[in-house]
């Protein structure tokens, strides 16, 4: 996966969570010229970062305000909350939006029932569960014509 460099990408991005998703996003955004700071509680998580990543790493819990301050979240154009914990993502995204006034805040949410809560806090979400369900339904619809759904 590659991003188009011609597009206007955020200048400064804070990513919370350096798992598969966070590390991939960090590399992609770094590759197109965004300044990226990635935060994770586990230092070994940074081993997932690609060679293209040229940003900064912070070991710490992004639920703690001081960790977000160290990441200069108040200067961020965008914050991506990509941990595997819905509650952590909601909390960090809410703090980024309300306390640090980050203009673009996105949070991964596994439980689709929680998306309403995120919307109430003006937080944009991406739900892998909903995306995968839609992909399965789309595939089933396509296969119905040839009766090969198995």
N, C-alpha and C. Protein backbone atom coordinates (compact mmCIF):
# COMPACT_ATOMS: atom_id res chain seq x y z
N UNK A 1 0.85 -1.18 0.00
CA UNK A 1 0.00 0.00 0.00
C UNK A 1 0.89 1.24 0.00
N UNK A 2 0.56 2.18 -0.86
CA UNK A 2 1.30 3.44 -0.92
C UNK A 2 0.31 4.59 -0.99
N UNK A 3 0.68 5.72 -0.42
CA UNK A 3 -0.14 6.91 -0.48
C UNK A 3 0.37 7.82 -1.58
N UNK A 4 -0.52 8.59 -2.18
CA UNK A 4 -0.12 9.51 -3.24
C UNK A 4 0.50 10.76 -2.63
N UNK A 5 1.71 11.05 -3.05
CA UNK A 5 2.42 12.21 -2.50
C UNK A 5 1.83 13.53 -2.97
N UNK A 6 1.09 13.52 -4.08
CA UNK A 6 0.51 14.75 -4.61
C UNK A 6 -0.58 15.32 -3.71
N UNK A 7 -1.21 14.48 -2.95
CA UNK A 7 -2.27 14.94 -2.04
C UNK A 7 -1.68 15.76 -0.91
N UNK A 8 -2.53 16.54 -0.30
CA UNK A 8 -2.10 17.30 0.88
C UNK A 8 -2.39 16.48 2.13
N UNK A 9 -1.34 15.96 2.74
CA UNK A 9 -1.46 15.15 3.94
C UNK A 9 -1.20 16.03 5.15
N UNK A 10 -1.69 15.61 6.32
CA UNK A 10 -1.45 16.42 7.52
C UNK A 10 0.05 16.59 7.76
N UNK A 11 0.43 17.79 8.20
CA UNK A 11 1.84 18.07 8.47
C UNK A 11 2.35 17.32 9.69
N UNK A 12 1.53 17.33 10.75
CA UNK A 12 1.97 16.74 12.02
C UNK A 12 0.91 15.80 12.54
N UNK A 13 1.28 14.53 12.72
CA UNK A 13 0.34 13.49 13.12
C UNK A 13 0.85 12.79 14.37
N UNK A 14 -0.06 12.59 15.32
CA UNK A 14 0.24 11.78 16.49
C UNK A 14 -0.56 10.48 16.34
N UNK A 15 0.14 9.36 16.46
CA UNK A 15 -0.50 8.05 16.37
C UNK A 15 -0.34 7.36 17.72
N UNK A 16 -1.46 6.90 18.26
CA UNK A 16 -1.44 6.20 19.54
C UNK A 16 -1.67 4.72 19.26
N UNK A 17 -0.66 3.91 19.58
CA UNK A 17 -0.72 2.48 19.34
C UNK A 17 0.18 2.10 18.17
N UNK A 18 1.19 1.30 18.45
CA UNK A 18 2.15 0.89 17.41
C UNK A 18 2.01 -0.60 17.10
N UNK A 19 0.77 -1.04 16.96
CA UNK A 19 0.52 -2.41 16.54
C UNK A 19 0.60 -2.47 15.01
N UNK A 20 -0.05 -3.46 14.45
CA UNK A 20 -0.01 -3.60 12.98
C UNK A 20 -0.56 -2.36 12.27
N UNK A 21 -1.70 -1.85 12.74
CA UNK A 21 -2.31 -0.70 12.09
C UNK A 21 -1.51 0.58 12.33
N UNK A 22 -1.20 0.88 13.57
CA UNK A 22 -0.47 2.10 13.89
C UNK A 22 0.88 2.17 13.20
N UNK A 23 1.61 1.05 13.20
CA UNK A 23 2.93 1.05 12.57
C UNK A 23 2.83 1.21 11.06
N UNK A 24 1.82 0.60 10.45
CA UNK A 24 1.61 0.76 9.01
C UNK A 24 1.29 2.21 8.67
N UNK A 25 0.38 2.81 9.41
CA UNK A 25 0.02 4.22 9.18
C UNK A 25 1.22 5.14 9.39
N UNK A 26 2.01 4.87 10.41
CA UNK A 26 3.19 5.69 10.69
C UNK A 26 4.15 5.67 9.51
N UNK A 27 4.40 4.49 8.97
CA UNK A 27 5.29 4.38 7.82
C UNK A 27 4.74 5.07 6.59
N UNK A 28 3.45 4.87 6.31
CA UNK A 28 2.83 5.47 5.13
C UNK A 28 2.84 7.00 5.22
N UNK A 29 2.43 7.53 6.37
CA UNK A 29 2.38 8.99 6.52
C UNK A 29 3.77 9.60 6.54
N UNK A 30 4.71 8.92 7.12
CA UNK A 30 6.09 9.38 7.14
C UNK A 30 6.65 9.43 5.71
N UNK A 31 6.30 8.42 4.93
CA UNK A 31 6.76 8.31 3.54
C UNK A 31 6.28 9.48 2.68
N UNK A 32 5.08 10.01 2.95
CA UNK A 32 4.56 11.13 2.15
C UNK A 32 4.93 12.49 2.72
N UNK A 33 5.75 12.49 3.79
CA UNK A 33 6.27 13.76 4.28
C UNK A 33 5.64 14.29 5.55
N UNK A 34 4.70 13.60 6.12
CA UNK A 34 4.12 14.05 7.39
C UNK A 34 5.14 13.82 8.50
N UNK A 35 5.17 14.73 9.46
CA UNK A 35 5.95 14.51 10.68
C UNK A 35 5.08 13.67 11.60
N UNK A 36 5.60 12.54 12.04
CA UNK A 36 4.80 11.59 12.80
C UNK A 36 5.46 11.30 14.14
N UNK A 37 4.63 11.31 15.19
CA UNK A 37 5.04 10.85 16.51
C UNK A 37 4.14 9.68 16.83
N UNK A 38 4.74 8.56 17.21
CA UNK A 38 3.95 7.38 17.56
C UNK A 38 4.20 7.03 19.02
N UNK A 39 3.11 6.73 19.72
CA UNK A 39 3.15 6.45 21.15
C UNK A 39 2.70 5.01 21.38
N UNK A 40 3.44 4.30 22.24
CA UNK A 40 3.00 2.97 22.64
C UNK A 40 3.53 2.69 24.05
N UNK A 41 2.79 1.90 24.80
CA UNK A 41 3.21 1.56 26.16
C UNK A 41 4.33 0.53 26.16
N UNK A 42 4.48 -0.17 25.05
CA UNK A 42 5.44 -1.25 24.95
C UNK A 42 6.54 -0.89 23.96
N UNK A 43 7.75 -0.70 24.44
CA UNK A 43 8.86 -0.30 23.57
C UNK A 43 9.11 -1.29 22.44
N UNK A 44 8.91 -2.57 22.68
CA UNK A 44 9.16 -3.56 21.65
C UNK A 44 8.18 -3.45 20.47
N UNK A 45 7.05 -2.75 20.68
CA UNK A 45 6.09 -2.55 19.59
C UNK A 45 6.70 -1.76 18.43
N UNK A 46 7.69 -0.92 18.73
CA UNK A 46 8.31 -0.09 17.70
C UNK A 46 9.09 -0.93 16.68
N UNK A 47 9.33 -2.19 17.00
CA UNK A 47 10.00 -3.07 16.05
C UNK A 47 9.15 -3.29 14.80
N UNK A 48 7.86 -3.03 14.89
CA UNK A 48 6.96 -3.18 13.74
C UNK A 48 7.09 -2.03 12.74
N UNK A 49 7.73 -0.95 13.13
CA UNK A 49 7.85 0.21 12.23
C UNK A 49 8.71 -0.13 11.02
N UNK A 50 8.29 0.38 9.87
CA UNK A 50 9.02 0.12 8.62
C UNK A 50 10.26 0.99 8.53
N UNK A 51 11.10 0.67 7.58
CA UNK A 51 12.31 1.45 7.34
C UNK A 51 11.96 2.86 6.88
N UNK A 52 10.77 3.04 6.30
CA UNK A 52 10.34 4.37 5.82
C UNK A 52 9.99 5.32 6.95
N UNK A 53 9.77 4.79 8.14
CA UNK A 53 9.38 5.65 9.25
C UNK A 53 10.55 6.52 9.69
N UNK A 54 10.30 7.83 9.66
CA UNK A 54 11.37 8.76 10.03
C UNK A 54 10.95 9.67 11.18
N UNK A 55 9.91 9.27 11.90
CA UNK A 55 9.38 10.10 12.97
C UNK A 55 9.96 9.78 14.32
N UNK A 56 9.21 10.15 15.35
CA UNK A 56 9.64 9.99 16.73
C UNK A 56 8.81 8.93 17.43
N UNK A 57 9.42 8.27 18.38
CA UNK A 57 8.76 7.24 19.18
C UNK A 57 8.70 7.71 20.63
N UNK A 58 7.56 7.52 21.26
CA UNK A 58 7.43 7.82 22.68
C UNK A 58 6.89 6.58 23.38
N UNK A 59 7.63 6.10 24.36
CA UNK A 59 7.17 4.99 25.17
C UNK A 59 6.38 5.59 26.33
N UNK A 60 5.11 5.24 26.40
CA UNK A 60 4.27 5.76 27.47
C UNK A 60 2.81 5.46 27.21
N UNK A 61 1.99 5.75 28.20
CA UNK A 61 0.56 5.51 28.13
C UNK A 61 -0.12 6.81 27.72
N UNK A 62 -0.70 6.82 26.53
CA UNK A 62 -1.31 8.04 25.99
C UNK A 62 -2.55 8.48 26.76
N UNK A 63 -3.02 7.67 27.68
CA UNK A 63 -4.12 8.09 28.55
C UNK A 63 -3.63 9.15 29.52
N UNK A 64 -2.33 9.18 29.77
CA UNK A 64 -1.74 10.18 30.66
C UNK A 64 -1.47 11.47 29.89
N UNK A 65 -1.98 12.57 30.40
CA UNK A 65 -1.87 13.87 29.75
C UNK A 65 -0.42 14.23 29.46
N UNK A 66 0.48 13.92 30.39
CA UNK A 66 1.90 14.28 30.20
C UNK A 66 2.50 13.59 28.98
N UNK A 67 2.07 12.39 28.69
CA UNK A 67 2.57 11.67 27.51
C UNK A 67 2.09 12.39 26.24
N UNK A 68 0.83 12.80 26.23
CA UNK A 68 0.30 13.54 25.07
C UNK A 68 0.98 14.91 24.94
N UNK A 69 1.30 15.53 26.07
CA UNK A 69 2.04 16.80 26.02
C UNK A 69 3.44 16.58 25.44
N UNK A 70 4.11 15.50 25.86
CA UNK A 70 5.45 15.19 25.35
C UNK A 70 5.42 14.96 23.84
N UNK A 71 4.29 14.47 23.33
CA UNK A 71 4.13 14.26 21.89
C UNK A 71 3.75 15.54 21.16
N UNK A 72 3.61 16.64 21.91
CA UNK A 72 3.19 17.93 21.35
C UNK A 72 1.86 17.81 20.59
N UNK A 73 0.93 17.14 21.24
CA UNK A 73 -0.39 16.92 20.66
C UNK A 73 -1.10 18.23 20.36
N UNK A 74 -0.79 19.28 21.11
CA UNK A 74 -1.41 20.59 20.86
C UNK A 74 -1.00 21.16 19.50
N UNK A 75 0.06 20.66 18.91
CA UNK A 75 0.53 21.12 17.59
C UNK A 75 0.03 20.22 16.46
N UNK A 76 -0.59 19.10 16.80
CA UNK A 76 -0.98 18.10 15.79
C UNK A 76 -2.13 18.58 14.91
N UNK A 77 -2.03 18.23 13.64
CA UNK A 77 -3.13 18.44 12.69
C UNK A 77 -4.11 17.28 12.78
N UNK A 78 -3.59 16.14 13.25
CA UNK A 78 -4.37 14.91 13.24
C UNK A 78 -3.87 13.98 14.33
N UNK A 79 -4.82 13.29 15.00
CA UNK A 79 -4.46 12.25 15.96
C UNK A 79 -5.23 11.00 15.56
N UNK A 80 -4.50 9.88 15.49
CA UNK A 80 -5.10 8.59 15.17
C UNK A 80 -4.96 7.68 16.38
N UNK A 81 -6.09 7.28 16.95
CA UNK A 81 -6.08 6.37 18.10
C UNK A 81 -6.31 4.96 17.57
N UNK A 82 -5.24 4.16 17.56
CA UNK A 82 -5.29 2.86 16.88
C UNK A 82 -4.99 1.68 17.80
N UNK A 83 -5.15 1.86 19.11
CA UNK A 83 -4.85 0.74 20.01
C UNK A 83 -5.91 -0.34 19.83
N UNK A 84 -5.71 -1.45 20.50
CA UNK A 84 -6.67 -2.56 20.43
C UNK A 84 -7.76 -2.43 21.50
N UNK A 85 -7.75 -1.32 22.22
CA UNK A 85 -8.71 -1.10 23.31
C UNK A 85 -9.65 0.05 22.97
N UNK A 86 -10.92 -0.26 22.77
CA UNK A 86 -11.90 0.78 22.44
C UNK A 86 -11.94 1.89 23.48
N UNK A 87 -11.91 1.54 24.76
CA UNK A 87 -11.99 2.55 25.82
C UNK A 87 -10.79 3.48 25.80
N UNK A 88 -9.61 2.94 25.56
CA UNK A 88 -8.40 3.77 25.47
C UNK A 88 -8.52 4.70 24.27
N UNK A 89 -8.95 4.16 23.13
CA UNK A 89 -9.08 4.99 21.93
C UNK A 89 -10.07 6.13 22.14
N UNK A 90 -11.20 5.82 22.77
CA UNK A 90 -12.19 6.86 23.04
C UNK A 90 -11.64 7.93 23.96
N UNK A 91 -10.99 7.51 25.03
CA UNK A 91 -10.46 8.46 26.01
C UNK A 91 -9.40 9.37 25.36
N UNK A 92 -8.46 8.76 24.67
CA UNK A 92 -7.38 9.53 24.04
C UNK A 92 -7.95 10.47 22.97
N UNK A 93 -8.86 9.97 22.17
CA UNK A 93 -9.46 10.79 21.11
C UNK A 93 -10.23 11.97 21.71
N UNK A 94 -10.96 11.72 22.77
CA UNK A 94 -11.73 12.78 23.43
C UNK A 94 -10.80 13.84 24.01
N UNK A 95 -9.73 13.43 24.65
CA UNK A 95 -8.76 14.38 25.22
C UNK A 95 -8.10 15.19 24.09
N UNK A 96 -7.75 14.51 23.01
CA UNK A 96 -7.12 15.20 21.87
C UNK A 96 -8.05 16.27 21.31
N UNK A 97 -9.32 15.92 21.18
CA UNK A 97 -10.31 16.84 20.61
C UNK A 97 -10.59 18.00 21.56
N UNK A 98 -10.90 17.70 22.82
CA UNK A 98 -11.36 18.73 23.76
C UNK A 98 -10.25 19.51 24.44
N UNK A 99 -9.20 18.83 24.88
CA UNK A 99 -8.16 19.49 25.64
C UNK A 99 -7.06 20.08 24.74
N UNK A 100 -6.70 19.34 23.68
CA UNK A 100 -5.62 19.78 22.81
C UNK A 100 -6.11 20.41 21.50
N UNK A 101 -7.43 20.42 21.28
CA UNK A 101 -8.04 21.03 20.09
C UNK A 101 -7.46 20.53 18.77
N UNK A 102 -7.22 19.24 18.69
CA UNK A 102 -6.72 18.65 17.44
C UNK A 102 -7.87 18.66 16.43
N UNK A 103 -7.64 19.26 15.26
CA UNK A 103 -8.74 19.40 14.30
C UNK A 103 -9.28 18.09 13.72
N UNK A 104 -8.43 17.11 13.50
CA UNK A 104 -8.86 15.84 12.90
C UNK A 104 -8.48 14.72 13.86
N UNK A 105 -9.50 14.06 14.40
CA UNK A 105 -9.28 12.97 15.35
C UNK A 105 -10.03 11.75 14.83
N UNK A 106 -9.32 10.66 14.65
CA UNK A 106 -9.93 9.41 14.22
C UNK A 106 -9.59 8.32 15.23
N UNK A 107 -10.55 7.44 15.48
CA UNK A 107 -10.33 6.37 16.44
C UNK A 107 -10.83 5.05 15.88
N UNK A 108 -10.02 4.02 16.09
CA UNK A 108 -10.46 2.67 15.74
C UNK A 108 -11.41 2.21 16.84
N UNK A 109 -12.53 1.60 16.44
CA UNK A 109 -13.49 1.07 17.40
C UNK A 109 -13.92 -0.32 16.93
N UNK A 110 -13.61 -1.31 17.73
CA UNK A 110 -13.95 -2.68 17.35
C UNK A 110 -15.43 -2.98 17.53
N UNK A 111 -16.02 -2.49 18.60
CA UNK A 111 -17.42 -2.77 18.90
C UNK A 111 -18.30 -1.74 18.20
N UNK A 112 -19.00 -2.15 17.14
CA UNK A 112 -19.83 -1.20 16.37
C UNK A 112 -20.88 -0.48 17.23
N UNK A 113 -21.29 -1.11 18.33
CA UNK A 113 -22.30 -0.48 19.20
C UNK A 113 -21.75 0.77 19.88
N UNK A 114 -20.44 0.89 19.95
CA UNK A 114 -19.83 2.05 20.61
C UNK A 114 -19.68 3.26 19.68
N UNK A 115 -19.87 3.07 18.40
CA UNK A 115 -19.66 4.17 17.46
C UNK A 115 -20.54 5.37 17.77
N UNK A 116 -21.75 5.14 18.23
CA UNK A 116 -22.65 6.23 18.58
C UNK A 116 -22.04 7.12 19.65
N UNK A 117 -21.42 6.51 20.65
CA UNK A 117 -20.79 7.27 21.73
C UNK A 117 -19.67 8.15 21.17
N UNK A 118 -18.86 7.59 20.29
CA UNK A 118 -17.77 8.35 19.67
C UNK A 118 -18.33 9.55 18.91
N UNK A 119 -19.40 9.32 18.14
CA UNK A 119 -20.01 10.41 17.37
C UNK A 119 -20.52 11.53 18.28
N UNK A 120 -21.06 11.15 19.43
CA UNK A 120 -21.54 12.15 20.39
C UNK A 120 -20.41 13.05 20.87
N UNK A 121 -19.19 12.54 20.85
CA UNK A 121 -18.02 13.32 21.25
C UNK A 121 -17.32 13.94 20.04
N UNK A 122 -17.98 13.89 18.87
CA UNK A 122 -17.44 14.48 17.64
C UNK A 122 -16.11 13.84 17.23
N UNK A 123 -16.07 12.51 17.37
CA UNK A 123 -14.87 11.75 17.01
C UNK A 123 -15.23 10.84 15.85
N UNK A 124 -14.48 10.97 14.78
CA UNK A 124 -14.67 10.11 13.62
C UNK A 124 -14.12 8.72 13.93
N UNK A 125 -14.82 7.69 13.47
CA UNK A 125 -14.39 6.33 13.77
C UNK A 125 -14.16 5.51 12.51
N UNK A 126 -13.35 4.49 12.68
CA UNK A 126 -13.20 3.44 11.69
C UNK A 126 -13.39 2.14 12.45
N UNK A 127 -14.35 1.34 12.01
CA UNK A 127 -14.65 0.09 12.69
C UNK A 127 -14.23 -1.09 11.82
N UNK A 128 -13.14 -1.77 12.19
CA UNK A 128 -12.73 -2.95 11.42
C UNK A 128 -13.84 -4.00 11.35
N UNK A 129 -14.62 -4.11 12.41
CA UNK A 129 -15.72 -5.08 12.44
C UNK A 129 -16.75 -4.75 11.37
N UNK A 130 -17.15 -3.47 11.30
CA UNK A 130 -18.11 -3.06 10.28
C UNK A 130 -17.53 -3.18 8.87
N UNK A 131 -16.26 -2.80 8.71
CA UNK A 131 -15.62 -2.89 7.39
C UNK A 131 -15.56 -4.34 6.90
N UNK A 132 -15.20 -5.25 7.80
CA UNK A 132 -15.12 -6.66 7.41
C UNK A 132 -16.50 -7.24 7.15
N UNK A 133 -17.49 -6.88 7.95
CA UNK A 133 -18.85 -7.37 7.71
C UNK A 133 -19.33 -6.91 6.33
N UNK A 134 -19.07 -5.64 6.01
CA UNK A 134 -19.47 -5.13 4.70
C UNK A 134 -18.73 -5.85 3.57
N UNK A 135 -17.44 -6.13 3.76
CA UNK A 135 -16.67 -6.85 2.74
C UNK A 135 -17.24 -8.25 2.54
N UNK A 136 -17.60 -8.93 3.62
CA UNK A 136 -18.19 -10.26 3.49
C UNK A 136 -19.53 -10.20 2.76
N UNK A 137 -20.39 -9.25 3.15
CA UNK A 137 -21.69 -9.11 2.51
C UNK A 137 -21.52 -8.81 1.02
N UNK A 138 -20.61 -7.92 0.69
CA UNK A 138 -20.35 -7.58 -0.72
C UNK A 138 -19.91 -8.81 -1.49
N UNK A 139 -19.03 -9.60 -0.90
CA UNK A 139 -18.54 -10.82 -1.55
C UNK A 139 -19.67 -11.83 -1.74
N UNK A 140 -20.52 -11.97 -0.72
CA UNK A 140 -21.66 -12.89 -0.82
C UNK A 140 -22.59 -12.44 -1.94
N UNK A 141 -22.87 -11.12 -2.01
CA UNK A 141 -23.77 -10.60 -3.05
C UNK A 141 -23.22 -10.90 -4.43
N UNK A 142 -21.92 -10.72 -4.61
CA UNK A 142 -21.28 -10.96 -5.91
C UNK A 142 -21.36 -12.44 -6.28
N UNK A 143 -21.21 -13.33 -5.28
CA UNK A 143 -21.18 -14.77 -5.53
C UNK A 143 -22.59 -15.35 -5.76
N UNK A 144 -23.63 -14.66 -5.30
CA UNK A 144 -24.98 -15.20 -5.43
C UNK A 144 -25.34 -15.48 -6.90
N UNK A 145 -24.84 -14.67 -7.80
CA UNK A 145 -25.14 -14.87 -9.21
C UNK A 145 -24.62 -16.19 -9.73
N UNK A 146 -23.49 -16.66 -9.24
CA UNK A 146 -22.93 -17.93 -9.74
C UNK A 146 -23.12 -19.09 -8.75
N UNK A 147 -23.89 -18.86 -7.69
CA UNK A 147 -24.25 -19.90 -6.71
C UNK A 147 -23.04 -20.58 -6.06
N UNK A 148 -21.90 -19.86 -5.97
CA UNK A 148 -20.71 -20.50 -5.42
C UNK A 148 -20.35 -19.96 -4.03
N UNK A 149 -21.31 -19.45 -3.30
CA UNK A 149 -21.04 -18.97 -1.96
C UNK A 149 -20.83 -20.16 -1.02
N UNK A 150 -19.64 -20.25 -0.47
CA UNK A 150 -19.37 -21.37 0.43
C UNK A 150 -18.49 -20.92 1.55
